[in-house]
Amino acid sequence: MREDADLRQTDIANYLGIHQTVYSRYERGFQTIPLELLIKLADYYHVSLDYLTERSDKPVL
C-alpha cells in the first residue's frame, strides 16, 4: 500500500513517530509491529485492521 501511494518508508515512519530502520524491519517481517502502530496505519490508509493484516481481501468493513 505504501508503494502504491508513492510514499517512502521515511514518510510512514515519520507519521508513526519511529525511525525508518524500525519501519523497514516491520515491512520485511523481521520485527512484529505493535497493535498501536497497526491501528495508526489502518487509520492512515482508511482500511480495516483485517485488511491490513491480510485476514481479509476487503479494504473496509
N, C-alpha and C. Protein backbone atom coordinates (compact mmCIF):
# COMPACT_ATOMS: atom_id res chain seq x y z
N MET A 1 0.83 -1.18 0.00
CA MET A 1 0.00 0.00 0.00
C MET A 1 0.87 1.24 0.00
N ARG A 2 1.96 1.18 0.74
CA ARG A 2 2.84 2.35 0.80
C ARG A 2 3.39 2.67 -0.57
N GLU A 3 3.88 1.66 -1.26
CA GLU A 3 4.46 1.89 -2.59
C GLU A 3 3.39 2.32 -3.59
N ASP A 4 2.20 1.75 -3.50
CA ASP A 4 1.10 2.16 -4.38
C ASP A 4 0.74 3.63 -4.20
N ALA A 5 0.96 4.14 -3.00
CA ALA A 5 0.68 5.55 -2.71
C ALA A 5 1.90 6.44 -2.97
N ASP A 6 2.96 5.86 -3.57
CA ASP A 6 4.19 6.60 -3.86
C ASP A 6 4.79 7.26 -2.63
N LEU A 7 4.77 6.51 -1.52
CA LEU A 7 5.35 7.00 -0.27
C LEU A 7 6.64 6.26 0.02
N ARG A 8 7.54 6.92 0.71
CA ARG A 8 8.79 6.30 1.14
C ARG A 8 8.61 5.73 2.55
N GLN A 9 9.47 4.81 2.90
CA GLN A 9 9.44 4.29 4.26
C GLN A 9 9.59 5.43 5.26
N THR A 10 10.40 6.40 4.93
CA THR A 10 10.61 7.54 5.82
C THR A 10 9.32 8.30 6.06
N ASP A 11 8.49 8.44 5.02
CA ASP A 11 7.21 9.15 5.17
C ASP A 11 6.33 8.47 6.21
N ILE A 12 6.21 7.15 6.09
CA ILE A 12 5.35 6.42 7.02
C ILE A 12 5.98 6.36 8.41
N ALA A 13 7.29 6.18 8.46
CA ALA A 13 7.97 6.16 9.76
C ALA A 13 7.76 7.48 10.50
N ASN A 14 7.86 8.59 9.79
CA ASN A 14 7.63 9.89 10.41
C ASN A 14 6.20 10.00 10.93
N TYR A 15 5.23 9.53 10.16
CA TYR A 15 3.84 9.55 10.59
C TYR A 15 3.65 8.73 11.87
N LEU A 16 4.33 7.60 11.93
CA LEU A 16 4.20 6.73 13.09
C LEU A 16 5.05 7.18 14.28
N GLY A 17 5.98 8.09 14.03
CA GLY A 17 6.84 8.56 15.10
C GLY A 17 7.96 7.60 15.45
N ILE A 18 8.44 6.86 14.43
CA ILE A 18 9.51 5.90 14.65
C ILE A 18 10.61 6.14 13.62
N HIS A 19 11.75 5.47 13.79
CA HIS A 19 12.84 5.58 12.83
C HIS A 19 12.54 4.74 11.59
N GLN A 20 13.06 5.17 10.47
CA GLN A 20 12.87 4.45 9.21
C GLN A 20 13.39 3.02 9.29
N THR A 21 14.49 2.82 9.98
CA THR A 21 15.06 1.47 10.08
C THR A 21 14.12 0.52 10.83
N VAL A 22 13.42 1.04 11.82
CA VAL A 22 12.45 0.22 12.56
C VAL A 22 11.29 -0.13 11.63
N TYR A 23 10.80 0.86 10.90
CA TYR A 23 9.69 0.60 9.97
C TYR A 23 10.11 -0.42 8.91
N SER A 24 11.32 -0.33 8.45
CA SER A 24 11.82 -1.27 7.45
C SER A 24 11.78 -2.70 8.00
N ARG A 25 12.15 -2.87 9.25
CA ARG A 25 12.11 -4.20 9.87
C ARG A 25 10.68 -4.72 9.94
N TYR A 26 9.72 -3.84 10.20
CA TYR A 26 8.31 -4.24 10.21
C TYR A 26 7.90 -4.71 8.81
N GLU A 27 8.23 -3.93 7.81
CA GLU A 27 7.84 -4.26 6.43
C GLU A 27 8.44 -5.58 5.96
N ARG A 28 9.66 -5.83 6.34
CA ARG A 28 10.34 -7.05 5.90
C ARG A 28 10.01 -8.25 6.77
N GLY A 29 9.24 -8.05 7.84
CA GLY A 29 8.82 -9.15 8.69
C GLY A 29 9.85 -9.60 9.69
N PHE A 30 10.87 -8.78 9.92
CA PHE A 30 11.91 -9.13 10.89
C PHE A 30 11.51 -8.76 12.31
N GLN A 31 10.48 -7.94 12.45
CA GLN A 31 10.02 -7.49 13.76
C GLN A 31 8.51 -7.34 13.68
N THR A 32 7.82 -7.67 14.75
CA THR A 32 6.37 -7.55 14.81
C THR A 32 5.98 -6.12 15.13
N ILE A 33 5.07 -5.58 14.35
CA ILE A 33 4.61 -4.21 14.57
C ILE A 33 3.60 -4.19 15.71
N PRO A 34 3.74 -3.27 16.64
CA PRO A 34 2.80 -3.19 17.77
C PRO A 34 1.38 -2.82 17.30
N LEU A 35 0.39 -3.29 18.02
CA LEU A 35 -1.00 -3.03 17.69
C LEU A 35 -1.29 -1.54 17.55
N GLU A 36 -0.72 -0.73 18.41
CA GLU A 36 -0.97 0.72 18.36
C GLU A 36 -0.56 1.30 17.00
N LEU A 37 0.55 0.79 16.46
CA LEU A 37 1.01 1.29 15.17
C LEU A 37 0.19 0.71 14.03
N LEU A 38 -0.27 -0.52 14.16
CA LEU A 38 -1.17 -1.09 13.16
C LEU A 38 -2.45 -0.28 13.06
N ILE A 39 -2.97 0.13 14.20
CA ILE A 39 -4.19 0.94 14.22
C ILE A 39 -3.94 2.27 13.52
N LYS A 40 -2.80 2.89 13.79
CA LYS A 40 -2.48 4.16 13.12
C LYS A 40 -2.36 3.97 11.61
N LEU A 41 -1.76 2.86 11.18
CA LEU A 41 -1.64 2.60 9.74
C LEU A 41 -3.00 2.37 9.10
N ALA A 42 -3.86 1.61 9.78
CA ALA A 42 -5.21 1.37 9.26
C ALA A 42 -5.96 2.69 9.11
N ASP A 43 -5.83 3.56 10.09
CA ASP A 43 -6.46 4.87 10.01
C ASP A 43 -5.87 5.69 8.86
N TYR A 44 -4.57 5.65 8.72
CA TYR A 44 -3.89 6.43 7.68
C TYR A 44 -4.35 6.01 6.28
N TYR A 45 -4.44 4.70 6.06
CA TYR A 45 -4.82 4.19 4.74
C TYR A 45 -6.34 4.01 4.59
N HIS A 46 -7.09 4.28 5.66
CA HIS A 46 -8.55 4.14 5.65
C HIS A 46 -8.97 2.72 5.29
N VAL A 47 -8.37 1.76 5.97
CA VAL A 47 -8.70 0.35 5.77
C VAL A 47 -8.91 -0.31 7.13
N SER A 48 -9.48 -1.50 7.10
CA SER A 48 -9.67 -2.24 8.36
C SER A 48 -8.36 -2.90 8.78
N LEU A 49 -8.28 -3.25 10.04
CA LEU A 49 -7.13 -3.99 10.53
C LEU A 49 -7.05 -5.37 9.87
N ASP A 50 -8.18 -5.99 9.61
CA ASP A 50 -8.17 -7.28 8.94
C ASP A 50 -7.56 -7.17 7.54
N TYR A 51 -7.88 -6.14 6.83
CA TYR A 51 -7.28 -5.95 5.50
C TYR A 51 -5.79 -5.69 5.62
N LEU A 52 -5.42 -4.86 6.54
CA LEU A 52 -4.01 -4.50 6.72
C LEU A 52 -3.16 -5.72 7.10
N THR A 53 -3.74 -6.63 7.86
CA THR A 53 -3.01 -7.81 8.29
C THR A 53 -3.29 -9.03 7.41
N GLU A 54 -3.91 -8.78 6.25
CA GLU A 54 -4.19 -9.80 5.24
C GLU A 54 -5.11 -10.91 5.73
N ARG A 55 -6.00 -10.55 6.64
CA ARG A 55 -7.02 -11.51 7.10
C ARG A 55 -8.29 -11.38 6.28
N SER A 56 -8.35 -10.33 5.44
CA SER A 56 -9.50 -10.10 4.58
C SER A 56 -9.01 -9.45 3.29
N ASP A 57 -9.73 -9.67 2.23
CA ASP A 57 -9.40 -9.01 0.98
C ASP A 57 -10.27 -7.79 0.73
N LYS A 58 -11.10 -7.45 1.72
CA LYS A 58 -11.97 -6.28 1.63
C LYS A 58 -11.35 -5.15 2.44
N PRO A 59 -11.04 -4.01 1.79
CA PRO A 59 -10.35 -2.92 2.49
C PRO A 59 -11.13 -2.32 3.65
N VAL A 60 -12.45 -2.27 3.54
CA VAL A 60 -13.24 -1.67 4.63
C VAL A 60 -14.32 -2.64 5.07
N LEU A 61 -14.78 -2.42 6.28
CA LEU A 61 -15.82 -3.30 6.83
C LEU A 61 -17.15 -3.07 6.16
